[in-house]
C-alpha atoms as a PDB file:
ATOM      1  CA  MET A   1      99.236  82.725 131.371  1.00  0.00           C
ATOM      2  CA  SER A   2     102.183  80.819 132.896  1.00  0.00           C
ATOM      3  CA  GLU A   3     104.618  82.663 135.157  1.00  0.00           C
ATOM      4  CA  SER A   4     107.491  82.369 132.662  1.00  0.00           C
ATOM      5  CA  LYS A   5     105.313  83.662 129.831  1.00  0.00           C
ATOM      6  CA  TRP A   6     104.064  86.523 131.989  1.00  0.00           C
ATOM      7  CA  SER A   7     107.653  87.461 132.922  1.00  0.00           C
ATOM      8  CA  PHE A   8     108.647  87.467 129.254  1.00  0.00           C
ATOM      9  CA  ALA A   9     105.670  89.641 128.300  1.00  0.00           C
ATOM     10  CA  GLU A  10     106.359  92.095 131.116  1.00  0.00           C
ATOM     11  CA  LYS A  11     110.041  92.481 130.186  1.00  0.00           C
ATOM     12  CA  PHE A  12     109.317  92.658 126.452  1.00  0.00           C
ATOM     13  CA  CYS A  13     106.693  95.392 126.849  1.00  0.00           C
ATOM     14  CA  ARG A  14     108.899  97.383 129.199  1.00  0.00           C
ATOM     15  CA  ASP A  15     111.874  97.241 126.809  1.00  0.00           C
ATOM     16  CA  PHE A  16     109.622  97.901 123.812  1.00  0.00           C
ATOM     17  CA  HIS A  17     108.151 101.053 125.356  1.00  0.00           C
ATOM     18  CA  VAL A  18     111.605 102.349 126.311  1.00  0.00           C
ATOM     19  CA  THR A  19     112.833 101.833 122.740  1.00  0.00           C
ATOM     20  CA  THR A  20     109.782 103.429 121.112  1.00  0.00           C
ATOM     21  CA  SER A  21     110.028 106.444 123.417  1.00  0.00           C
ATOM     22  CA  GLU A  22     113.686 106.901 122.500  1.00  0.00           C
ATOM     23  CA  LEU A  23     112.963 106.599 118.769  1.00  0.00           C
ATOM     24  CA  GLN A  24     110.038 109.021 119.015  1.00  0.00           C
ATOM     25  CA  SER A  25     112.273 111.522 120.791  1.00  0.00           C
ATOM     26  CA  ARG A  26     114.859 111.291 118.003  1.00  0.00           C
ATOM     27  CA  LEU A  27     112.168 111.767 115.359  1.00  0.00           C
ATOM     28  CA  ASP A  28     110.764 114.769 117.218  1.00  0.00           C
ATOM     29  CA  ASP A  29     114.246 116.303 117.287  1.00  0.00           C
ATOM     30  CA  LEU A  30     114.518 115.859 113.506  1.00  0.00           C
ATOM     31  CA  LYS A  31     111.127 117.537 112.994  1.00  0.00           C
ATOM     32  CA  LEU A  32     112.393 120.626 114.805  1.00  0.00           C
ATOM     33  CA  LYS A  33     115.390 121.034 112.514  1.00  0.00           C
ATOM     34  CA  PRO A  34     115.073 123.416 109.540  1.00  0.00           C
ATOM     35  CA  VAL A  35     116.558 120.761 107.245  1.00  0.00           C
ATOM     36  CA  ALA A  36     115.540 117.156 107.765  1.00  0.00           C
ATOM     37  CA  SER A  37     118.396 114.697 107.211  1.00  0.00           C
ATOM     38  CA  LEU A  38     117.072 111.864 105.057  1.00  0.00           C
ATOM     39  CA  ASP A  39     119.968 109.627 106.084  1.00  0.00           C
ATOM     40  CA  ALA A  40     119.149 110.167 109.773  1.00  0.00           C
ATOM     41  CA  VAL A  41     115.498 109.298 109.143  1.00  0.00           C
ATOM     42  CA  GLN A  42     116.492 106.145 107.269  1.00  0.00           C
ATOM     43  CA  VAL A  43     118.712 105.045 110.164  1.00  0.00           C
ATOM     44  CA  ILE A  44     115.742 105.394 112.509  1.00  0.00           C
ATOM     45  CA  SER A  45     113.506 103.597 109.973  1.00  0.00           C
ATOM     46  CA  ALA A  46     115.908 100.651 110.020  1.00  0.00           C
ATOM     47  CA  GLU A  47     115.634 100.544 113.816  1.00  0.00           C
ATOM     48  CA  ILE A  48     111.837 100.679 113.530  1.00  0.00           C
ATOM     49  CA  SER A  49     112.032  97.742 111.123  1.00  0.00           C
ATOM     50  CA  SER A  50     114.104  95.789 113.646  1.00  0.00           C
ATOM     51  CA  LEU A  51     111.569  96.633 116.338  1.00  0.00           C
ATOM     52  CA  ALA A  52     108.753  95.395 114.085  1.00  0.00           C
ATOM     53  CA  ARG A  53     110.574  92.091 113.616  1.00  0.00           C
ATOM     54  CA  SER A  54     110.967  91.643 117.357  1.00  0.00           C
ATOM     55  CA  LEU A  55     107.259  92.327 117.861  1.00  0.00           C
ATOM     56  CA  GLY A  56     106.412  89.824 115.149  1.00  0.00           C
ATOM     57  CA  ASP A  57     108.578  87.199 116.843  1.00  0.00           C
ATOM     58  CA  ALA A  58     106.815  87.873 120.150  1.00  0.00           C
ATOM     59  CA  THR A  59     103.340  87.400 118.681  1.00  0.00           C
ATOM     60  CA  GLY A  60     101.506  84.733 120.648  1.00  0.00           C
ATOM     61  CA  SER A  61     103.519  85.374 123.789  1.00  0.00           C
ATOM     62  CA  LEU A  62     101.918  88.728 124.596  1.00  0.00           C
ATOM     63  CA  PRO A  63      98.449  89.473 125.974  1.00  0.00           C
ATOM     64  CA  SER A  64      96.195  90.856 123.250  1.00  0.00           C
ATOM     65  CA  TYR A  65      95.989  94.261 124.953  1.00  0.00           C
ATOM     66  CA  ASP A  66      99.783  94.626 125.129  1.00  0.00           C
ATOM     67  CA  GLN A  67     100.164  93.345 121.582  1.00  0.00           C
ATOM     68  CA  ARG A  68      97.727  95.962 120.302  1.00  0.00           C
ATOM     69  CA  ARG A  69      99.360  98.757 122.283  1.00  0.00           C
ATOM     70  CA  CYS A  70     102.788  97.851 120.895  1.00  0.00           C
ATOM     71  CA  GLU A  71     101.395  97.778 117.351  1.00  0.00           C
ATOM     72  CA  LEU A  72      99.875 101.252 117.784  1.00  0.00           C
ATOM     73  CA  GLN A  73     103.163 102.639 119.081  1.00  0.00           C
ATOM     74  CA  LEU A  74     104.968 101.107 116.123  1.00  0.00           C
ATOM     75  CA  LYS A  75     102.475 102.584 113.655  1.00  0.00           C
ATOM     76  CA  SER A  76     102.911 106.012 115.220  1.00  0.00           C
ATOM     77  CA  LEU A  77     106.668 105.810 114.703  1.00  0.00           C
ATOM     78  CA  GLU A  78     106.217 104.673 111.107  1.00  0.00           C
ATOM     79  CA  ARG A  79     103.856 107.564 110.338  1.00  0.00           C
ATOM     80  CA  THR A  80     106.291 110.107 111.749  1.00  0.00           C
ATOM     81  CA  ALA A  81     109.183 108.603 109.784  1.00  0.00           C
ATOM     82  CA  ASP A  82     107.051 108.564 106.622  1.00  0.00           C
ATOM     83  CA  GLU A  83     106.184 112.235 107.068  1.00  0.00           C
ATOM     84  CA  LEU A  84     109.845 113.133 107.352  1.00  0.00           C
ATOM     85  CA  CYS A  85     110.772 110.993 104.338  1.00  0.00           C
ATOM     86  CA  GLY A  86     107.933 112.527 102.322  1.00  0.00           C
ATOM     87  CA  ILE A  87     109.197 116.075 102.906  1.00  0.00           C
ATOM     88  CA  PRO A  88     112.896 115.964 101.938  1.00  0.00           C
ATOM     89  CA  THR A  89     113.521 119.690 102.476  1.00  0.00           C
ATOM     90  CA  SER A  90     117.215 119.330 101.696  1.00  0.00           C
ATOM     91  CA  ALA A  91     116.625 117.969  98.188  1.00  0.00           C
ATOM     92  CA  VAL A  92     118.114 119.755  95.214  1.00  0.00           C
ATOM     93  CA  LYS A  93     115.396 120.455  92.678  1.00  0.00           C
ATOM     94  CA  PHE A  94     115.907 119.217  89.136  1.00  0.00           C
ATOM     95  CA  ALA A  95     114.329 120.866  86.107  1.00  0.00           C
ATOM     96  CA  PHE A  96     113.832 119.423  82.656  1.00  0.00           C
ATOM     97  CA  LYS A  97     115.672 121.302  79.929  1.00  0.00           C
ATOM     98  CA  ARG A  98     113.480 123.226  77.554  1.00  0.00           C
ATOM     99  CA  LYS A  99     114.056 121.551  74.254  1.00  0.00           C
ATOM    100  CA  ILE A 100     112.045 120.227  71.346  1.00  0.00           C
ATOM    101  CA  VAL A 101     110.781 116.744  71.995  1.00  0.00           C
ATOM    102  CA  LYS A 102     111.146 114.335  69.083  1.00  0.00           C
ATOM    103  CA  SER A 103     108.064 112.378  69.986  1.00  0.00           C
ATOM    104  CA  LYS A 104     104.799 113.621  68.527  1.00  0.00           C
ATOM    105  CA  ILE A 105     103.035 112.584  71.709  1.00  0.00           C
ATOM    106  CA  ALA A 106     103.041 115.717  73.835  1.00  0.00           C
ATOM    107  CA  PRO A 107     103.150 115.706  77.648  1.00  0.00           C
ATOM    108  CA  ALA A 108      99.785 116.108  79.299  1.00  0.00           C
ATOM    109  CA  SER A 109     101.071 119.181  81.110  1.00  0.00           C
ATOM    110  CA  ALA A 110     103.982 121.567  80.740  1.00  0.00           C
ATOM    111  CA  ALA A 111     104.755 121.634  84.444  1.00  0.00           C
ATOM    112  CA  SER A 112     108.043 120.180  85.701  1.00  0.00           C
ATOM    113  CA  PRO A 113     107.833 116.619  87.105  1.00  0.00           C
ATOM    114  CA  THR A 114     110.581 117.227  89.629  1.00  0.00           C
ATOM    115  CA  SER A 115     108.829 118.975  92.514  1.00  0.00           C
ATOM    116  CA  LEU A 116     109.206 117.334  95.916  1.00  0.00           C
ATOM    117  CA  LEU A 117     106.876 114.654  97.252  1.00  0.00           C
ATOM    118  CA  GLN A 118     104.060 116.068  99.343  1.00  0.00           C
ATOM    119  CA  SER A 119     101.164 113.608  99.374  1.00  0.00           C
ATOM    120  CA  THR A 120     100.870 110.046 100.646  1.00  0.00           C
ATOM    121  CA  SER A 121      97.274 109.498  99.493  1.00  0.00           C
ATOM    122  CA  PRO A 122      96.371 105.971  98.319  1.00  0.00           C
ATOM    123  CA  MET A 123      96.988 105.164  94.666  1.00  0.00           C
ATOM    124  CA  ILE A 124      93.818 104.909  92.585  1.00  0.00           C
ATOM    125  CA  GLY A 125      95.128 105.933  89.182  1.00  0.00           C
ATOM    126  CA  LEU A 126      96.371 108.956  87.319  1.00  0.00           C
ATOM    127  CA  ALA A 127      93.533 111.242  86.272  1.00  0.00           C
ATOM    128  CA  LYS A 128      95.930 113.605  84.497  1.00  0.00           C
ATOM    129  CA  PRO A 129      99.529 112.391  84.183  1.00  0.00           C
ATOM    130  CA  LEU A 130     102.205 115.049  84.052  1.00  0.00           C
ATOM    131  CA  TYR A 131     104.218 113.128  81.455  1.00  0.00           C
ATOM    132  CA  SER A 132     102.910 110.366  79.211  1.00  0.00           C
ATOM    133  CA  CYS A 133     104.572 108.202  76.548  1.00  0.00           C
ATOM    134  CA  ARG A 134     108.045 109.664  77.082  1.00  0.00           C
ATOM    135  CA  TYR A 135     111.582 108.276  77.155  1.00  0.00           C
ATOM    136  CA  LEU A 136     113.512 110.356  79.687  1.00  0.00           C
ATOM    137  CA  THR A 137     117.266 110.224  80.279  1.00  0.00           C
ATOM    138  CA  SER A 138     119.833 112.154  82.281  1.00  0.00           C
ATOM    139  CA  ALA A 139     120.186 114.438  79.246  1.00  0.00           C
ATOM    140  CA  ASN A 140     116.710 115.796  80.033  1.00  0.00           C
ATOM    141  CA  PHE A 141     117.871 117.175  83.356  1.00  0.00           C
ATOM    142  CA  ASP A 142     119.640 120.326  84.374  1.00  0.00           C
ATOM    143  CA  SER A 143     121.643 119.007  87.307  1.00  0.00           C
ATOM    144  CA  GLU A 144     124.571 119.435  89.606  1.00  0.00           C
ATOM    145  CA  ASN A 145     127.082 116.639  90.075  1.00  0.00           C
ATOM    146  CA  THR A 146     125.327 115.308  93.160  1.00  0.00           C
ATOM    147  CA  ALA A 147     121.669 115.755  94.012  1.00  0.00           C
ATOM    148  CA  GLU A 148     118.356 114.186  94.913  1.00  0.00           C
ATOM    149  CA  VAL A 149     115.926 113.537  92.067  1.00  0.00           C
ATOM    150  CA  SER A 150     112.182 113.664  92.697  1.00  0.00           C
ATOM    151  CA  MET A 151     109.528 112.896  90.060  1.00  0.00           C
ATOM    152  CA  HIS A 152     105.755 112.421  90.079  1.00  0.00           C
ATOM    153  CA  ASP A 153     102.676 111.784  87.917  1.00  0.00           C
ATOM    154  CA  LEU A 154     104.091 109.640  85.113  1.00  0.00           C
ATOM    155  CA  ASP A 155     102.219 107.308  82.777  1.00  0.00           C
ATOM    156  CA  LYS A 156     103.652 104.938  80.140  1.00  0.00           C
ATOM    157  CA  CYS A 157     107.174 106.327  80.455  1.00  0.00           C
ATOM    158  CA  ILE A 158     110.675 104.867  80.427  1.00  0.00           C
ATOM    159  CA  ILE A 159     113.063 106.690  82.737  1.00  0.00           C
ATOM    160  CA  ASN A 160     116.651 105.695  81.946  1.00  0.00           C
ATOM    161  CA  LEU A 161     119.171 107.410  84.211  1.00  0.00           C
ATOM    162  CA  LEU A 162     121.912 104.832  83.712  1.00  0.00           C
ATOM    163  CA  PRO A 163     125.370 106.353  83.110  1.00  0.00           C
ATOM    164  CA  ASN A 164     126.680 106.715  79.572  1.00  0.00           C
ATOM    165  CA  ASP A 165     129.569 108.437  77.804  1.00  0.00           C
ATOM    166  CA  ASN A 166     127.728 111.763  77.619  1.00  0.00           C
ATOM    167  CA  ASN A 167     125.936 111.956  80.961  1.00  0.00           C
ATOM    168  CA  GLN A 168     126.536 110.523  84.409  1.00  0.00           C
ATOM    169  CA  MET A 169     124.334 111.355  87.374  1.00  0.00           C
ATOM    170  CA  ASP A 170     125.749 111.098  90.877  1.00  0.00           C
ATOM    171  CA  LEU A 171     122.599 110.663  92.953  1.00  0.00           C
ATOM    172  CA  SER A 172     122.256 110.782  96.716  1.00  0.00           C
ATOM    173  CA  ALA A 173     118.526 109.924  96.618  1.00  0.00           C
ATOM    174  CA  PHE A 174     115.712 109.167  94.174  1.00  0.00           C
ATOM    175  CA  HIS A 175     112.009 109.747  94.942  1.00  0.00           C
ATOM    176  CA  VAL A 176     109.024 108.987  92.720  1.00  0.00           C
ATOM    177  CA  GLN A 177     105.306 109.312  93.420  1.00  0.00           C
ATOM    178  CA  ARG A 178     102.252 108.357  91.361  1.00  0.00           C
ATOM    179  CA  ALA A 179     103.366 106.419  88.304  1.00  0.00           C
ATOM    180  CA  THR A 180     101.578 103.803  86.195  1.00  0.00           C
ATOM    181  CA  ARG A 181     102.992 101.441  83.555  1.00  0.00           C
ATOM    182  CA  CYS A 182     106.503 102.880  83.771  1.00  0.00           C
ATOM    183  CA  VAL A 183     110.025 101.440  83.738  1.00  0.00           C
ATOM    184  CA  PHE A 184     112.741 103.034  85.896  1.00  0.00           C
ATOM    185  CA  LEU A 185     116.395 102.239  85.134  1.00  0.00           C
ATOM    186  CA  LEU A 186     118.371 103.904  87.905  1.00  0.00           C
ATOM    187  CA  PRO A 187     122.108 104.421  88.363  1.00  0.00           C
ATOM    188  CA  PHE A 188     123.834 103.696  91.646  1.00  0.00           C
ATOM    189  CA  VAL A 189     122.090 105.788  94.307  1.00  0.00           C
ATOM    190  CA  ASN A 190     124.403 106.607  97.183  1.00  0.00           C
ATOM    191  CA  GLY A 191     121.495 106.814  99.601  1.00  0.00           C
ATOM    192  CA  SER A 192     117.809 105.944  99.479  1.00  0.00           C
ATOM    193  CA  VAL A 193     115.227 105.139  96.830  1.00  0.00           C
ATOM    194  CA  LEU A 194     111.739 106.085  98.045  1.00  0.00           C
ATOM    195  CA  VAL A 195     108.658 105.268  95.952  1.00  0.00           C
ATOM    196  CA  HIS A 196     104.976 106.006  96.580  1.00  0.00           C
ATOM    197  CA  ASP A 197     101.813 105.088  94.684  1.00  0.00           C
ATOM    198  CA  LEU A 198     103.172 102.978  91.824  1.00  0.00           C
ATOM    199  CA  SER A 199     101.064 100.610  89.755  1.00  0.00           C
ATOM    200  CA  ASP A 200     102.204  98.095  87.116  1.00  0.00           C
ATOM    201  CA  CYS A 201     105.815  99.290  87.005  1.00  0.00           C
ATOM    202  CA  VAL A 202     109.353  97.910  86.869  1.00  0.00           C
ATOM    203  CA  ILE A 203     112.184  99.405  88.932  1.00  0.00           C
ATOM    204  CA  VAL A 204     115.877  98.599  88.520  1.00  0.00           C
ATOM    205  CA  SER A 205     118.016 100.036  91.301  1.00  0.00           C
ATOM    206  CA  ARG A 206     121.363  99.810  93.070  1.00  0.00           C
ATOM    207  CA  CYS A 207     121.127 101.678  96.353  1.00  0.00           C
ATOM    208  CA  HIS A 208     121.825 101.648 100.068  1.00  0.00           C
ATOM    209  CA  GLN A 209     118.167 101.814 101.139  1.00  0.00           C
ATOM    210  CA  PHE A 210     114.883 101.058  99.380  1.00  0.00           C
ATOM    211  CA  ARG A 211     111.379 101.836 100.641  1.00  0.00           C
ATOM    212  CA  MET A 212     108.029 101.458  98.872  1.00  0.00           C
ATOM    213  CA  HIS A 213     104.570 102.622  99.978  1.00  0.00           C
ATOM    214  CA  ASN A 214     101.010 102.280  98.629  1.00  0.00           C
ATOM    215  CA  SER A 215     101.992 100.366  95.497  1.00  0.00           C
ATOM    216  CA  THR A 216     100.755  97.334  93.597  1.00  0.00           C
ATOM    217  CA  THR A 217     102.004  95.025  90.839  1.00  0.00           C
ATOM    218  CA  VAL A 218     105.608  96.214  90.765  1.00  0.00           C
ATOM    219  CA  ASP A 219     108.717  94.222  89.853  1.00  0.00           C
ATOM    220  CA  VAL A 220     111.865  95.388  91.655  1.00  0.00           C
ATOM    221  CA  TYR A 221     115.336  94.347  90.448  1.00  0.00           C
ATOM    222  CA  LEU A 222     117.552  95.297  93.334  1.00  0.00           C
ATOM    223  CA  SER A 223     121.124  95.397  94.576  1.00  0.00           C
ATOM    224  CA  ILE A 224     121.102  96.745  98.111  1.00  0.00           C
ATOM    225  CA  SER A 225     123.241  96.801 101.249  1.00  0.00           C
ATOM    226  CA  SER A 226     120.278  96.799 103.670  1.00  0.00           C
ATOM    227  CA  ASN A 227     116.857  95.184 103.899  1.00  0.00           C
ATOM    228  CA  PRO A 228     114.273  96.743 101.545  1.00  0.00           C
ATOM    229  CA  ILE A 229     111.039  97.906 103.186  1.00  0.00           C
ATOM    230  CA  ILE A 230     107.482  97.867 101.844  1.00  0.00           C
ATOM    231  CA  GLU A 231     104.273  99.133 103.444  1.00  0.00           C
ATOM    232  CA  ARG A 232     100.661  99.059 102.248  1.00  0.00           C
ATOM    233  CA  CYS A 233     101.775  97.233  99.099  1.00  0.00           C
ATOM    234  CA  THR A 234     100.455  94.200  97.214  1.00  0.00           C
ATOM    235  CA  SER A 235     101.734  91.941  94.420  1.00  0.00           C
ATOM    236  CA  ILE A 236     105.356  93.079  94.660  1.00  0.00           C
ATOM    237  CA  ARG A 237     108.064  90.837  93.167  1.00  0.00           C
ATOM    238  CA  PHE A 238     111.796  91.108  93.880  1.00  0.00           C
ATOM    239  CA  ALA A 239     114.745  89.919  91.804  1.00  0.00           C
ATOM    240  CA  ALA A 240     118.495  90.481  91.637  1.00  0.00           C
ATOM    241  CA  TYR A 241     119.916  93.496  89.808  1.00  0.00           C
ATOM    242  CA  PRO A 242     120.508  92.525  86.137  1.00  0.00           C
ATOM    243  CA  SER A 243     124.197  91.778  85.574  1.00  0.00           C
ATOM    244  CA  VAL A 244     123.856  92.935  81.958  1.00  0.00           C
ATOM    245  CA  LEU A 245     123.310  96.499  83.207  1.00  0.00           C
ATOM    246  CA  CYS A 246     126.338  96.663  85.517  1.00  0.00           C
ATOM    247  CA  GLY A 247     128.701  94.072  84.036  1.00  0.00           C
ATOM    248  CA  VAL A 248     128.996  91.925  87.169  1.00  0.00           C
ATOM    249  CA  TYR A 249     126.680  89.926  89.373  1.00  0.00           C
ATOM    250  CA  GLU A 250     126.223  91.494  92.806  1.00  0.00           C
ATOM    251  CA  PRO A 251     124.825  89.509  95.752  1.00  0.00           C
ATOM    252  CA  SER A 252     121.843  91.264  97.247  1.00  0.00           C
ATOM    253  CA  LYS A 253     119.432  91.217 100.145  1.00  0.00           C
ATOM    254  CA  TYR A 254     116.434  91.674  97.871  1.00  0.00           C
ATOM    255  CA  PHE A 255     114.916  88.517  99.368  1.00  0.00           C
ATOM    256  CA  SER A 256     115.108  89.874 102.955  1.00  0.00           C
ATOM    257  CA  VAL A 257     112.153  92.212 102.559  1.00  0.00           C
ATOM    258  CA  GLN A 258     110.580  93.859 105.611  1.00  0.00           C
ATOM    259  CA  ASP A 259     106.814  94.341 105.245  1.00  0.00           C
ATOM    260  CA  PHE A 260     105.652  96.935 107.773  1.00  0.00           C
ATOM    261  CA  SER A 261     102.030  96.022 107.018  1.00  0.00           C
ATOM    262  CA  HIS A 262     102.663  92.410 108.031  1.00  0.00           C
ATOM    263  CA  ILE A 263     104.584  92.308 111.301  1.00  0.00           C
ATOM    264  CA  ARG A 264     103.572  88.759 112.192  1.00  0.00           C
ATOM    265  CA  SER A 265     106.088  85.921 112.076  1.00  0.00           C
ATOM    266  CA  THR A 266     104.295  84.255 109.156  1.00  0.00           C
ATOM    267  CA  PRO A 267     105.432  85.003 105.558  1.00  0.00           C
ATOM    268  CA  SER A 268     104.007  88.187 104.078  1.00  0.00           C
ATOM    269  CA  PRO A 269     101.386  87.655 101.340  1.00  0.00           C
ATOM    270  CA  ASN A 270     102.290  91.012  99.782  1.00  0.00           C
ATOM    271  CA  TRP A 271     105.600  90.140  98.126  1.00  0.00           C
ATOM    272  CA  THR A 272     107.486  87.243  96.616  1.00  0.00           C
ATOM    273  CA  THR A 273     110.693  86.540  94.745  1.00  0.00           C
ATOM    274  CA  LEU A 274     110.604  86.569  90.958  1.00  0.00           C
ATOM    275  CA  SER A 275     111.676  83.228  89.511  1.00  0.00           C
ATOM    276  CA  GLU A 276     114.793  83.485  87.352  1.00  0.00           C
ATOM    277  CA  GLU A 277     113.038  82.211  84.236  1.00  0.00           C
ATOM    278  CA  ASP A 278     110.697  85.200  84.479  1.00  0.00           C
ATOM    279  CA  TRP A 279     113.457  87.808  84.721  1.00  0.00           C
ATOM    280  CA  GLU A 280     113.381  90.499  82.055  1.00  0.00           C
ATOM    281  CA  CYS A 281     116.036  90.057  79.341  1.00  0.00           C
ATOM    282  CA  PHE A 282     115.438  92.985  76.977  1.00  0.00           C
ATOM    283  CA  TRP A 283     116.077  96.245  78.781  1.00  0.00           C
ATOM    284  CA  PRO A 284     115.198  99.517  76.998  1.00  0.00           C
ATOM    285  CA  VAL A 285     118.649 101.099  77.271  1.00  0.00           C
ATOM    286  CA  HIS A 286     118.333 102.867  73.905  1.00  0.00           C
ATOM    287  CA  GLU A 287     115.914 105.702  73.288  1.00  0.00           C
ATOM    288  CA  LEU A 288     112.456 104.817  72.017  1.00  0.00           C
ATOM    289  CA  GLU A 289     109.502 106.952  71.054  1.00  0.00           C
ATOM    290  CA  GLY A 290     105.922 106.736  69.867  1.00  0.00           C
ATOM    291  CA  LYS A 291     104.696 103.304  68.849  1.00  0.00           C
ATOM    292  CA  GLN A 292     108.030 101.593  69.549  1.00  0.00           C
ATOM    293  CA  LEU A 293     108.029 102.858  73.128  1.00  0.00           C
ATOM    294  CA  LEU A 294     104.460 101.720  73.749  1.00  0.00           C
ATOM    295  CA  GLU A 295     105.106  98.296  72.212  1.00  0.00           C
ATOM    296  CA  HIS A 296     108.208  97.769  74.341  1.00  0.00           C
ATOM    297  CA  LEU A 297     106.331  98.765  77.488  1.00  0.00           C
ATOM    298  CA  GLU A 298     103.479  96.445  76.571  1.00  0.00           C
ATOM    299  CA  GLY A 299     105.950  93.586  76.213  1.00  0.00           C
ATOM    300  CA  MET A 300     107.589  94.266  79.574  1.00  0.00           C
ATOM    301  CA  LEU A 301     104.425  95.081  81.493  1.00  0.00           C
ATOM    302  CA  ARG A 302     102.118  92.409  80.147  1.00  0.00           C
ATOM    303  CA  THR A 303      99.632  91.163  82.722  1.00  0.00           C
ATOM    304  CA  ARG A 304     101.467  89.207  85.407  1.00  0.00           C
ATOM    305  CA  LYS A 305     100.027  86.652  87.772  1.00  0.00           C
ATOM    306  CA  VAL A 306     101.830  87.243  91.049  1.00  0.00           C
ATOM    307  CA  PRO A 307     101.866  84.343  93.542  1.00  0.00           C
ATOM    308  CA  ARG A 308     100.053  85.132  96.771  1.00  0.00           C
ATOM    309  CA  SER A 309     101.575  82.388  98.914  1.00  0.00           C
ATOM    310  CA  GLY A 310     104.198  84.622 100.507  1.00  0.00           C
ATOM    311  CA  ALA A 311     107.945  85.050 100.143  1.00  0.00           C
ATOM    312  CA  SER A 312     110.116  82.044  99.628  1.00  0.00           C
END
């Protein structure tokens, strides 16, 4: 190793270790608090993302031992941040209203789908979905004016929380875990959207922060003020938020995706941009049920061949 390269590696590792120690200390402080601030965790997550980019840029200039040690430190920070994000103790619980459902297809279980996220186990499939073949709107929720929504175990559902004349949800965060073949139409989220264990889904979201874990074959239509983050994901496609749903076109950073599972300087093979000719045009903004719902989902979620050549 040349002297200049050795000097760079020495300084980089020293600065890297100082930064990781400081971030770990801040995360440890958050773990000691009775109520974990999701916004504070997301700020630290953004700094971890920046640190991952710097490590990726330094790849090839560091000895293999130092490179590996930095990667392990980074992974430790990510795990701690994930644990804090996965236990949003300050979330306001939502409960579905008890009312007669028009659809003849009954939910697989009567339990509420709004309990908080607790597991980060890899997605294999839903053995027993909590809700199946349902069209859910803000009218299904008992809610305060501002809250965090958390859902899990959904199969073949359309979740439409877009504002209308009768109901408007003012969300500070939206969390979903374990969903297959679902479409999520979300209102503006004045905070973070956190998703775990999704398969063959479509998400439409306007938010400040977006993070996805353990998911595959998901299309994300996004308007966001920060860089979206994915980890342990495959076949993810990003596109701009549909102007038809908000009335105006909003520039977005959906193409500046940070893949925490691919910290090298080369393009990530786990995500790509969705070409404009493949953007969805027919959004299910009106209530559907039974056969109509399943047919619409089938049309939107038909088998997609996702390019594996990396982001463009």
